[in-house]
Amino acid sequence: MTDDLSIQVSTATWAVARPLMQTDRWCVNAAAITKLVLAQLGVKSYPVHAEVMHLNAAAAHGADGSRPLPPADSADPYMVYARLDNLGADDIGAEDANSPEGLAGHVLTFVPEWRCYLDPSGHQFTRPDWSIVVPVGAVWHSAPEPPAPAVWERPDGGVSVIEPTRSRRFVHAAGWKRRDYHDVMAREIVRLVREGGDGSDG
């Protein structure tokens, strides 16, 4: 039941919120809304900033030999990732909501009771041409307590890695700040979940 509920919440959040959040750091918005939804369902959670990496089967299992991690600005067909940068006081522009670079890293929601991360925005990493598939409304189960890193083998044969940080800089992002549409979407997501749906059928 817990697994079903975690997937319902993550998938419903993706289904309801995604059309209106193509900009303004979707992962930050997703985490903000997910936290509201879980609070309304009486479930404790907290956002986690992390570096994430999704590798296809060839990269994950070494079928193509040793592959060094590519530079952050490369487009490697074996993996996609939200990689961290070392930001200093002079790099505050990278933290700005209007910055084309967006947030360094990724934001997910950890639910201690369920021992999992909810990642409604994880599907953004999917690259079918690269044989990398991250499911809609991704949920990473049996997760260790952050900031411990965790690794999952996906059904597509690839591997997904989450390495949490202790950064809270995302709370300054525009997408994290409470807005009317956050509350509207959270109510719709809670309605879907309570009715036993997740919005995946339209």
C-alpha atoms as a PDB file:
ATOM      1  CA  MET A   1       0.000   0.000   0.000  1.00  0.00           C
ATOM      2  CA  THR A   2       2.823   2.392   0.830  1.00  0.00           C
ATOM      3  CA  ASP A   3       4.505   1.680  -2.498  1.00  0.00           C
ATOM      4  CA  ASP A   4       1.231   2.274  -4.299  1.00  0.00           C
ATOM      5  CA  LEU A   5       0.676   5.563  -2.479  1.00  0.00           C
ATOM      6  CA  SER A   6       4.195   6.849  -3.109  1.00  0.00           C
ATOM      7  CA  ILE A   7       3.861   6.119  -6.833  1.00  0.00           C
ATOM      8  CA  GLN A   8       0.379   7.646  -6.905  1.00  0.00           C
ATOM      9  CA  VAL A   9       1.609  10.868  -5.307  1.00  0.00           C
ATOM     10  CA  SER A  10       4.662  11.156  -7.559  1.00  0.00           C
ATOM     11  CA  THR A  11       2.755  10.322 -10.753  1.00  0.00           C
ATOM     12  CA  ALA A  12      -0.175  12.602  -9.906  1.00  0.00           C
ATOM     13  CA  THR A  13       2.214  15.455  -9.156  1.00  0.00           C
ATOM     14  CA  TRP A  14       3.868  14.975 -12.536  1.00  0.00           C
ATOM     15  CA  ALA A  15       0.518  14.741 -14.331  1.00  0.00           C
ATOM     16  CA  VAL A  16      -1.051  17.801 -12.721  1.00  0.00           C
ATOM     17  CA  ALA A  17       1.920  20.128 -12.423  1.00  0.00           C
ATOM     18  CA  ARG A  18       4.066  19.421 -15.464  1.00  0.00           C
ATOM     19  CA  PRO A  19       2.049  21.331 -18.096  1.00  0.00           C
ATOM     20  CA  LEU A  20       2.421  24.577 -16.168  1.00  0.00           C
ATOM     21  CA  MET A  21       6.037  24.212 -15.115  1.00  0.00           C
ATOM     22  CA  GLN A  22       8.260  23.913 -18.147  1.00  0.00           C
ATOM     23  CA  THR A  23      10.323  26.799 -16.817  1.00  0.00           C
ATOM     24  CA  ASP A  24      11.296  28.158 -13.401  1.00  0.00           C
ATOM     25  CA  ARG A  25      13.179  25.027 -12.403  1.00  0.00           C
ATOM     26  CA  TRP A  26      10.673  22.221 -12.661  1.00  0.00           C
ATOM     27  CA  CYS A  27      12.401  20.087 -10.004  1.00  0.00           C
ATOM     28  CA  VAL A  28      12.199  22.865  -7.400  1.00  0.00           C
ATOM     29  CA  ASN A  29       8.523  23.474  -8.165  1.00  0.00           C
ATOM     30  CA  ALA A  30       7.863  19.731  -8.081  1.00  0.00           C
ATOM     31  CA  ALA A  31       9.502  19.358  -4.669  1.00  0.00           C
ATOM     32  CA  ALA A  32       7.584  22.344  -3.285  1.00  0.00           C
ATOM     33  CA  ILE A  33       4.252  20.945  -4.477  1.00  0.00           C
ATOM     34  CA  THR A  34       5.078  17.400  -3.375  1.00  0.00           C
ATOM     35  CA  LYS A  35       5.805  18.623   0.142  1.00  0.00           C
ATOM     36  CA  LEU A  36       2.406  20.390   0.244  1.00  0.00           C
ATOM     37  CA  VAL A  37       0.630  17.270  -1.024  1.00  0.00           C
ATOM     38  CA  LEU A  38       2.286  14.984   1.516  1.00  0.00           C
ATOM     39  CA  ALA A  39       1.535  17.419   4.354  1.00  0.00           C
ATOM     40  CA  GLN A  40      -2.147  17.362   3.385  1.00  0.00           C
ATOM     41  CA  LEU A  41      -2.011  13.561   3.431  1.00  0.00           C
ATOM     42  CA  GLY A  42      -0.425  13.630   6.892  1.00  0.00           C
ATOM     43  CA  VAL A  43       2.928  12.273   5.700  1.00  0.00           C
ATOM     44  CA  LYS A  44       6.210  13.843   6.864  1.00  0.00           C
ATOM     45  CA  SER A  45       8.768  14.617   4.180  1.00  0.00           C
ATOM     46  CA  TYR A  46      11.636  16.910   3.371  1.00  0.00           C
ATOM     47  CA  PRO A  47      13.315  18.129   0.184  1.00  0.00           C
ATOM     48  CA  VAL A  48      16.786  16.903  -0.703  1.00  0.00           C
ATOM     49  CA  HIS A  49      19.240  18.632  -3.011  1.00  0.00           C
ATOM     50  CA  ALA A  50      21.337  16.096  -4.880  1.00  0.00           C
ATOM     51  CA  GLU A  51      23.555  15.260  -7.796  1.00  0.00           C
ATOM     52  CA  VAL A  52      21.813  12.631  -9.915  1.00  0.00           C
ATOM     53  CA  MET A  53      23.085  10.468 -12.723  1.00  0.00           C
ATOM     54  CA  HIS A  54      21.195   8.111 -15.010  1.00  0.00           C
ATOM     55  CA  LEU A  55      23.361   5.683 -17.005  1.00  0.00           C
ATOM     56  CA  ASN A  56      22.162   3.382 -19.760  1.00  0.00           C
ATOM     57  CA  ALA A  57      22.883  -0.349 -19.619  1.00  0.00           C
ATOM     58  CA  ALA A  58      26.111  -0.112 -21.605  1.00  0.00           C
ATOM     59  CA  ALA A  59      27.602   2.509 -19.306  1.00  0.00           C
ATOM     60  CA  ALA A  60      26.210   0.941 -16.147  1.00  0.00           C
ATOM     61  CA  HIS A  61      27.567  -2.529 -16.791  1.00  0.00           C
ATOM     62  CA  GLY A  62      30.778  -1.687 -18.590  1.00  0.00           C
ATOM     63  CA  ALA A  63      29.814  -3.254 -21.915  1.00  0.00           C
ATOM     64  CA  ASP A  64      31.685  -0.495 -23.688  1.00  0.00           C
ATOM     65  CA  GLY A  65      34.743  -0.529 -21.407  1.00  0.00           C
ATOM     66  CA  SER A  66      35.803   2.035 -18.839  1.00  0.00           C
ATOM     67  CA  ARG A  67      34.100   5.384 -19.360  1.00  0.00           C
ATOM     68  CA  PRO A  68      35.419   8.398 -17.464  1.00  0.00           C
ATOM     69  CA  LEU A  69      32.856  10.923 -16.303  1.00  0.00           C
ATOM     70  CA  PRO A  70      32.455  13.521 -19.064  1.00  0.00           C
ATOM     71  CA  PRO A  71      32.775  17.253 -18.407  1.00  0.00           C
ATOM     72  CA  ALA A  72      29.625  19.003 -17.197  1.00  0.00           C
ATOM     73  CA  ASP A  73      28.991  20.696 -20.550  1.00  0.00           C
ATOM     74  CA  SER A  74      29.167  17.534 -22.654  1.00  0.00           C
ATOM     75  CA  ALA A  75      26.242  15.607 -24.127  1.00  0.00           C
ATOM     76  CA  ASP A  76      27.279  12.034 -23.503  1.00  0.00           C
ATOM     77  CA  PRO A  77      24.893   9.477 -25.101  1.00  0.00           C
ATOM     78  CA  TYR A  78      25.514   7.007 -22.289  1.00  0.00           C
ATOM     79  CA  MET A  79      24.259   9.136 -19.396  1.00  0.00           C
ATOM     80  CA  VAL A  80      22.320  12.171 -18.332  1.00  0.00           C
ATOM     81  CA  TYR A  81      22.810  13.940 -15.041  1.00  0.00           C
ATOM     82  CA  ALA A  82      22.178  16.984 -12.928  1.00  0.00           C
ATOM     83  CA  ARG A  83      25.691  17.765 -11.893  1.00  0.00           C
ATOM     84  CA  LEU A  84      26.837  19.997  -9.072  1.00  0.00           C
ATOM     85  CA  ASP A  85      29.030  23.023  -9.499  1.00  0.00           C
ATOM     86  CA  ASN A  86      31.109  24.694  -6.834  1.00  0.00           C
ATOM     87  CA  LEU A  87      29.339  28.017  -6.499  1.00  0.00           C
ATOM     88  CA  GLY A  88      30.964  30.914  -4.731  1.00  0.00           C
ATOM     89  CA  ALA A  89      29.724  34.321  -3.651  1.00  0.00           C
ATOM     90  CA  ASP A  90      30.490  35.704  -7.120  1.00  0.00           C
ATOM     91  CA  ASP A  91      28.366  33.014  -8.794  1.00  0.00           C
ATOM     92  CA  ILE A  92      25.028  34.045  -7.342  1.00  0.00           C
ATOM     93  CA  GLY A  93      23.703  34.482 -10.900  1.00  0.00           C
ATOM     94  CA  ALA A  94      23.560  30.694 -11.225  1.00  0.00           C
ATOM     95  CA  GLU A  95      21.124  30.679  -8.306  1.00  0.00           C
ATOM     96  CA  ASP A  96      18.808  33.238  -9.901  1.00  0.00           C
ATOM     97  CA  ALA A  97      15.452  31.992 -11.188  1.00  0.00           C
ATOM     98  CA  ASN A  98      16.024  33.808 -14.479  1.00  0.00           C
ATOM     99  CA  SER A  99      19.419  32.240 -15.040  1.00  0.00           C
ATOM    100  CA  PRO A 100      19.530  30.001 -18.130  1.00  0.00           C
ATOM    101  CA  GLU A 101      21.834  27.668 -16.230  1.00  0.00           C
ATOM    102  CA  GLY A 102      19.153  26.947 -13.636  1.00  0.00           C
ATOM    103  CA  LEU A 103      19.918  25.208 -10.368  1.00  0.00           C
ATOM    104  CA  ALA A 104      23.071  23.161 -10.068  1.00  0.00           C
ATOM    105  CA  GLY A 105      21.947  19.642  -9.231  1.00  0.00           C
ATOM    106  CA  HIS A 106      18.434  18.330  -8.669  1.00  0.00           C
ATOM    107  CA  VAL A 107      15.794  18.452  -5.915  1.00  0.00           C
ATOM    108  CA  LEU A 108      13.798  15.410  -4.783  1.00  0.00           C
ATOM    109  CA  THR A 109      11.515  14.694  -1.823  1.00  0.00           C
ATOM    110  CA  PHE A 110      12.545  12.137   0.799  1.00  0.00           C
ATOM    111  CA  VAL A 111       9.834  10.380   2.845  1.00  0.00           C
ATOM    112  CA  PRO A 112      11.416   8.750   5.930  1.00  0.00           C
ATOM    113  CA  GLU A 113       8.345   6.629   6.744  1.00  0.00           C
ATOM    114  CA  TRP A 114       8.346   5.155   3.242  1.00  0.00           C
ATOM    115  CA  ARG A 115      12.157   4.964   2.887  1.00  0.00           C
ATOM    116  CA  CYS A 116      12.032   6.444  -0.587  1.00  0.00           C
ATOM    117  CA  TYR A 117      12.583   9.504  -2.735  1.00  0.00           C
ATOM    118  CA  LEU A 118       9.688  10.885  -4.742  1.00  0.00           C
ATOM    119  CA  ASP A 119      10.959  12.373  -7.987  1.00  0.00           C
ATOM    120  CA  PRO A 120       7.997  13.695 -10.020  1.00  0.00           C
ATOM    121  CA  SER A 121      10.363  15.584 -12.309  1.00  0.00           C
ATOM    122  CA  GLY A 122      12.768  12.682 -12.888  1.00  0.00           C
ATOM    123  CA  HIS A 123      11.220  11.932 -16.296  1.00  0.00           C
ATOM    124  CA  GLN A 124      12.999  15.035 -17.633  1.00  0.00           C
ATOM    125  CA  PHE A 125      16.174  12.919 -17.751  1.00  0.00           C
ATOM    126  CA  THR A 126      14.694  10.379 -20.178  1.00  0.00           C
ATOM    127  CA  ARG A 127      16.577  10.099 -23.480  1.00  0.00           C
ATOM    128  CA  PRO A 128      15.014   7.297 -25.568  1.00  0.00           C
ATOM    129  CA  ASP A 129      17.641   7.705 -28.299  1.00  0.00           C
ATOM    130  CA  TRP A 130      20.293   7.007 -25.676  1.00  0.00           C
ATOM    131  CA  SER A 131      18.391   4.041 -24.171  1.00  0.00           C
ATOM    132  CA  ILE A 132      17.855   5.928 -20.918  1.00  0.00           C
ATOM    133  CA  VAL A 133      14.329   5.743 -19.528  1.00  0.00           C
ATOM    134  CA  VAL A 134      13.331   7.309 -16.203  1.00  0.00           C
ATOM    135  CA  PRO A 135       9.661   6.553 -15.459  1.00  0.00           C
ATOM    136  CA  VAL A 136       6.993   9.199 -15.143  1.00  0.00           C
ATOM    137  CA  GLY A 137       6.480   9.920 -11.450  1.00  0.00           C
ATOM    138  CA  ALA A 138       9.705   8.144 -10.520  1.00  0.00           C
ATOM    139  CA  VAL A 139       9.996   6.744  -6.998  1.00  0.00           C
ATOM    140  CA  TRP A 140      13.322   5.461  -5.719  1.00  0.00           C
ATOM    141  CA  HIS A 141      12.508   2.827  -3.055  1.00  0.00           C
ATOM    142  CA  SER A 142      14.446   1.536  -0.041  1.00  0.00           C
ATOM    143  CA  ALA A 143      16.553   4.665  -0.035  1.00  0.00           C
ATOM    144  CA  PRO A 144      19.159   5.179   2.677  1.00  0.00           C
ATOM    145  CA  GLU A 145      18.722   8.235   4.854  1.00  0.00           C
ATOM    146  CA  PRO A 146      20.252  11.296   3.144  1.00  0.00           C
ATOM    147  CA  PRO A 147      22.975  12.362   2.739  1.00  0.00           C
ATOM    148  CA  ALA A 148      24.040   8.771   1.974  1.00  0.00           C
ATOM    149  CA  PRO A 149      24.269   8.080  -1.776  1.00  0.00           C
ATOM    150  CA  ALA A 150      21.991   5.455  -3.292  1.00  0.00           C
ATOM    151  CA  VAL A 151      22.022   3.398  -6.505  1.00  0.00           C
ATOM    152  CA  TRP A 152      19.120   1.695  -8.283  1.00  0.00           C
ATOM    153  CA  GLU A 153      19.001  -0.737 -11.171  1.00  0.00           C
ATOM    154  CA  ARG A 154      16.188   0.337 -13.478  1.00  0.00           C
ATOM    155  CA  PRO A 155      13.940  -1.969 -15.568  1.00  0.00           C
ATOM    156  CA  ASP A 156      15.611  -0.602 -18.727  1.00  0.00           C
ATOM    157  CA  GLY A 157      18.904  -2.168 -17.624  1.00  0.00           C
ATOM    158  CA  GLY A 158      20.453   1.125 -16.632  1.00  0.00           C
ATOM    159  CA  VAL A 159      21.431   2.520 -13.272  1.00  0.00           C
ATOM    160  CA  SER A 160      20.288   5.658 -11.483  1.00  0.00           C
ATOM    161  CA  VAL A 161      22.447   7.272  -8.811  1.00  0.00           C
ATOM    162  CA  ILE A 162      21.415   9.913  -6.265  1.00  0.00           C
ATOM    163  CA  GLU A 163      24.085  11.623  -4.190  1.00  0.00           C
ATOM    164  CA  PRO A 164      22.447  14.011  -1.717  1.00  0.00           C
ATOM    165  CA  THR A 165      24.118  17.176  -0.548  1.00  0.00           C
ATOM    166  CA  ARG A 166      23.372  19.330   2.468  1.00  0.00           C
ATOM    167  CA  SER A 167      22.695  22.386   0.319  1.00  0.00           C
ATOM    168  CA  ARG A 168      19.524  24.369   0.986  1.00  0.00           C
ATOM    169  CA  ARG A 169      20.149  27.035  -1.647  1.00  0.00           C
ATOM    170  CA  PHE A 170      17.090  25.941  -3.603  1.00  0.00           C
ATOM    171  CA  VAL A 171      14.854  27.543  -0.963  1.00  0.00           C
ATOM    172  CA  HIS A 172      15.856  30.897  -2.464  1.00  0.00           C
ATOM    173  CA  ALA A 173      14.629  29.881  -5.918  1.00  0.00           C
ATOM    174  CA  ALA A 174      11.398  31.402  -7.196  1.00  0.00           C
ATOM    175  CA  GLY A 175       9.959  27.944  -7.782  1.00  0.00           C
ATOM    176  CA  TRP A 176      10.257  27.050  -4.101  1.00  0.00           C
ATOM    177  CA  LYS A 177       8.434  30.104  -2.799  1.00  0.00           C
ATOM    178  CA  ARG A 178       4.786  29.411  -2.031  1.00  0.00           C
ATOM    179  CA  ARG A 179       2.468  30.560  -4.792  1.00  0.00           C
ATOM    180  CA  ASP A 180      -1.268  30.315  -5.388  1.00  0.00           C
ATOM    181  CA  TYR A 181      -0.802  27.738  -8.125  1.00  0.00           C
ATOM    182  CA  HIS A 182       1.111  25.493  -5.721  1.00  0.00           C
ATOM    183  CA  ASP A 183      -1.944  25.286  -3.466  1.00  0.00           C
ATOM    184  CA  VAL A 184      -4.338  24.796  -6.381  1.00  0.00           C
ATOM    185  CA  MET A 185      -2.241  21.967  -7.810  1.00  0.00           C
ATOM    186  CA  ALA A 186      -1.705  20.354  -4.419  1.00  0.00           C
ATOM    187  CA  ARG A 187      -5.461  20.203  -3.840  1.00  0.00           C
ATOM    188  CA  GLU A 188      -6.019  18.589  -7.243  1.00  0.00           C
ATOM    189  CA  ILE A 189      -3.246  16.052  -6.639  1.00  0.00           C
ATOM    190  CA  VAL A 190      -4.647  15.157  -3.213  1.00  0.00           C
ATOM    191  CA  ARG A 191      -8.106  14.733  -4.764  1.00  0.00           C
ATOM    192  CA  LEU A 192      -6.713  12.359  -7.387  1.00  0.00           C
ATOM    193  CA  VAL A 193      -4.802  10.320  -4.823  1.00  0.00           C
ATOM    194  CA  ARG A 194      -7.755  10.047  -2.455  1.00  0.00           C
ATOM    195  CA  GLU A 195      -9.921   8.863  -5.325  1.00  0.00           C
ATOM    196  CA  GLY A 196      -7.358   6.195  -6.076  1.00  0.00           C
ATOM    197  CA  GLY A 197      -6.010   7.738  -9.277  1.00  0.00           C
ATOM    198  CA  ASP A 198      -2.772   9.338 -10.374  1.00  0.00           C
ATOM    199  CA  GLY A 199      -3.718  11.334 -13.477  1.00  0.00           C
ATOM    200  CA  SER A 200      -1.799   8.996 -15.778  1.00  0.00           C
ATOM    201  CA  ASP A 201      -4.899   8.298 -17.873  1.00  0.00           C
ATOM    202  CA  GLY A 202      -5.276  11.943 -18.789  1.00  0.00           C
END
